[in-house]
Amino acid sequence: MLLNISDRKGKSMNYYKILKDGMVIDVNYVFLRWQEKHRILIGCEAADAQYIQSSDGMEVYRVRWLNPVNSDAPVFPVVEAEEISEEEYLELRKQLDEGLTPVEPEPEPPAEPELEEPELPAETVMTVGEMRREILRLREENEFLSGCLLEMSEVVYA
């Protein structure tokens, strides 16, 4: 026995596409759980669900990521279900209602990051002589700064 709970006013909707062998066979948002006491399937929220119902209410499917079922519960075909947006739900629903095999949109390839050219100073080429002079200048500057550092440390730690 199935319970149709298609009217869920006031609650946020989570839509799902139901896939079998990688193909979309249905879209829906109605979840069910097995009530052992009365031995029936009842509608419930996704957090409590063990099954998902087909949109026409005629089929029930088992989805592995839903709550486990006990051994007394009925056995239903196993499918995959993926959460989708309302827009995707409406598009897939339209395709299914028209008897078409739903075609999932190709995922957009990730945008390649634009490589920025580093800004180089106007004069980037140095002759060997200019490089030697620059090395000597930097060596002298390094010796001067090292001396300053030694002097300051003598003052601080004296």
Protein backbone atom coordinates (compact mmCIF):
# COMPACT_ATOMS: atom_id res chain seq x y z
CA MET A 1 0.00 0.00 0.00
CA LEU A 2 1.35 3.42 -0.98
CA LEU A 3 0.49 6.76 0.51
CA ASN A 4 0.69 9.72 -1.85
CA ILE A 5 1.91 12.86 -0.11
CA SER A 6 2.47 15.18 -3.04
CA ASP A 7 1.19 18.27 -1.20
CA ARG A 8 3.90 19.58 1.13
CA LYS A 9 2.93 23.25 1.51
CA GLY A 10 5.09 25.33 3.78
CA LYS A 11 8.09 22.99 3.63
CA SER A 12 11.20 23.47 1.59
CA MET A 13 11.39 21.00 -1.24
CA ASN A 14 14.35 18.79 -2.04
CA TYR A 15 14.08 17.34 -5.51
CA TYR A 16 15.76 14.13 -6.65
CA LYS A 17 16.45 12.48 -9.95
CA ILE A 18 16.13 8.71 -9.86
CA LEU A 19 18.72 6.84 -11.92
CA LYS A 20 18.92 3.24 -13.01
CA ASP A 21 22.01 2.08 -14.88
CA GLY A 22 23.07 5.72 -15.18
CA MET A 23 19.85 6.80 -16.94
CA VAL A 24 17.26 9.14 -15.44
CA ILE A 25 14.06 7.12 -15.03
CA ASP A 26 12.10 9.55 -12.85
CA VAL A 27 12.23 12.68 -10.71
CA ASN A 28 10.46 13.05 -7.40
CA TYR A 29 10.55 14.28 -3.83
CA VAL A 30 8.30 11.76 -2.04
CA PHE A 31 10.06 9.57 0.52
CA LEU A 32 8.66 6.55 2.32
CA ARG A 33 9.46 4.39 5.31
CA TRP A 34 8.21 0.99 6.37
CA GLN A 35 5.90 1.06 9.39
CA GLU A 36 6.27 -2.37 10.96
CA LYS A 37 3.28 -1.97 13.30
CA HIS A 38 0.76 -1.67 10.43
CA ARG A 39 3.00 -3.27 7.78
CA ILE A 40 2.58 -0.37 5.36
CA LEU A 41 4.71 2.23 3.64
CA ILE A 42 4.10 5.76 4.88
CA GLY A 43 5.33 9.13 3.66
CA CYS A 44 8.11 10.79 5.59
CA GLU A 45 10.94 13.30 5.40
CA ALA A 46 14.17 12.32 3.63
CA ALA A 47 16.00 12.05 6.96
CA ASP A 48 13.67 9.22 8.06
CA ALA A 49 13.24 7.55 4.68
CA GLN A 50 14.08 4.05 3.55
CA TYR A 51 12.57 4.31 0.05
CA ILE A 52 11.68 6.85 -2.63
CA GLN A 53 8.38 6.74 -4.48
CA SER A 54 7.99 7.14 -8.23
CA SER A 55 6.26 10.30 -9.39
CA ASP A 56 3.18 8.36 -10.56
CA GLY A 57 2.93 6.65 -7.16
CA MET A 58 3.02 3.20 -8.76
CA GLU A 59 6.63 2.23 -8.00
CA VAL A 60 8.84 2.23 -4.95
CA TYR A 61 12.62 2.16 -5.09
CA ARG A 62 15.36 1.46 -2.57
CA VAL A 63 18.23 3.94 -2.49
CA ARG A 64 21.40 2.74 -0.76
CA TRP A 65 22.12 6.01 1.06
CA LEU A 66 18.72 6.03 2.73
CA ASN A 67 18.14 4.50 6.16
CA PRO A 68 18.59 0.73 6.43
CA VAL A 69 15.59 -1.58 6.30
CA ASN A 70 14.93 -4.58 8.51
CA SER A 71 14.53 -8.07 7.13
CA ASP A 72 10.70 -7.99 7.39
CA ALA A 73 10.39 -4.96 5.09
CA PRO A 74 9.42 -5.50 1.45
CA VAL A 75 12.13 -5.67 -1.19
CA PHE A 76 12.09 -3.10 -3.98
CA PRO A 77 14.44 -2.41 -6.93
CA VAL A 78 17.65 -0.61 -5.99
CA VAL A 79 18.35 2.67 -7.79
CA GLU A 80 20.47 5.75 -7.32
CA ALA A 81 19.01 9.14 -6.38
CA GLU A 82 20.75 12.50 -6.59
CA GLU A 83 19.51 15.79 -5.22
CA ILE A 84 18.85 18.37 -7.94
CA SER A 85 17.69 21.97 -8.19
CA GLU A 86 14.07 22.91 -8.78
CA GLU A 87 14.99 24.14 -12.27
CA GLU A 88 16.58 20.80 -13.18
CA TYR A 89 13.60 18.97 -11.66
CA LEU A 90 11.16 20.96 -13.82
CA GLU A 91 13.20 20.39 -16.99
CA LEU A 92 13.56 16.64 -16.38
CA ARG A 93 9.88 16.39 -15.39
CA LYS A 94 8.90 18.07 -18.68
CA GLN A 95 11.05 15.68 -20.69
CA LEU A 96 9.62 12.66 -18.87
CA ASP A 97 6.03 13.88 -19.32
CA GLU A 98 6.66 14.27 -23.05
CA GLY A 99 7.87 10.66 -23.22
CA LEU A 100 11.43 11.71 -24.00
CA THR A 101 14.53 10.10 -22.60
CA PRO A 102 15.87 12.82 -20.32
CA VAL A 103 19.17 14.24 -21.39
CA GLU A 104 21.28 15.60 -18.63
CA PRO A 105 23.14 18.79 -19.46
CA GLU A 106 26.86 18.38 -19.95
CA PRO A 107 28.74 19.84 -17.00
CA GLU A 108 30.50 23.02 -17.91
CA PRO A 109 34.25 22.57 -18.06
CA PRO A 110 36.04 24.49 -15.36
CA ALA A 111 37.24 27.87 -16.54
CA GLU A 112 40.94 27.93 -17.14
CA PRO A 113 42.60 30.52 -14.98
CA GLU A 114 44.03 33.38 -16.95
CA LEU A 115 47.77 33.49 -16.66
CA GLU A 116 48.86 36.99 -15.97
CA GLU A 117 52.10 38.11 -17.49
CA PRO A 118 54.32 39.44 -14.76
CA GLU A 119 55.14 43.10 -15.15
CA LEU A 120 58.82 43.44 -15.75
CA PRO A 121 60.81 46.59 -15.25
CA ALA A 122 61.61 48.42 -18.44
CA GLU A 123 65.31 47.53 -18.18
CA THR A 124 65.48 43.79 -17.62
CA VAL A 125 68.63 42.95 -19.52
CA MET A 126 71.97 43.49 -17.81
CA THR A 127 75.39 42.98 -19.21
CA VAL A 128 77.88 40.75 -17.40
CA GLY A 129 79.76 43.83 -16.21
CA GLU A 130 76.56 45.43 -14.83
CA MET A 131 75.70 42.20 -12.98
CA ARG A 132 79.19 42.09 -11.38
CA ARG A 133 78.89 45.73 -10.24
CA GLU A 134 75.38 45.02 -8.82
CA ILE A 135 76.69 41.95 -6.95
CA LEU A 136 79.51 44.01 -5.43
CA ARG A 137 77.06 46.77 -4.44
CA LEU A 138 74.71 44.25 -2.80
CA ARG A 139 77.63 42.57 -0.99
CA GLU A 140 78.73 45.93 0.45
CA GLU A 141 75.15 46.76 1.47
CA ASN A 142 74.81 43.34 3.13
CA GLU A 143 78.08 43.87 5.10
CA PHE A 144 76.92 47.33 6.20
CA LEU A 145 73.50 46.03 7.36
CA SER A 146 75.13 43.09 9.18
CA GLY A 147 77.38 45.53 11.01
CA CYS A 148 74.37 47.66 11.99
CA LEU A 149 72.60 44.57 13.30
CA LEU A 150 75.63 43.58 15.40
CA GLU A 151 75.87 47.09 16.87
CA MET A 152 72.17 47.14 17.76
CA SER A 153 72.35 43.71 19.38
CA GLU A 154 75.34 44.82 21.52
CA VAL A 155 73.31 47.79 22.74
CA VAL A 156 70.19 45.72 23.44
CA TYR A 157 71.93 42.80 25.15
CA ALA A 158 74.68 44.76 26.96
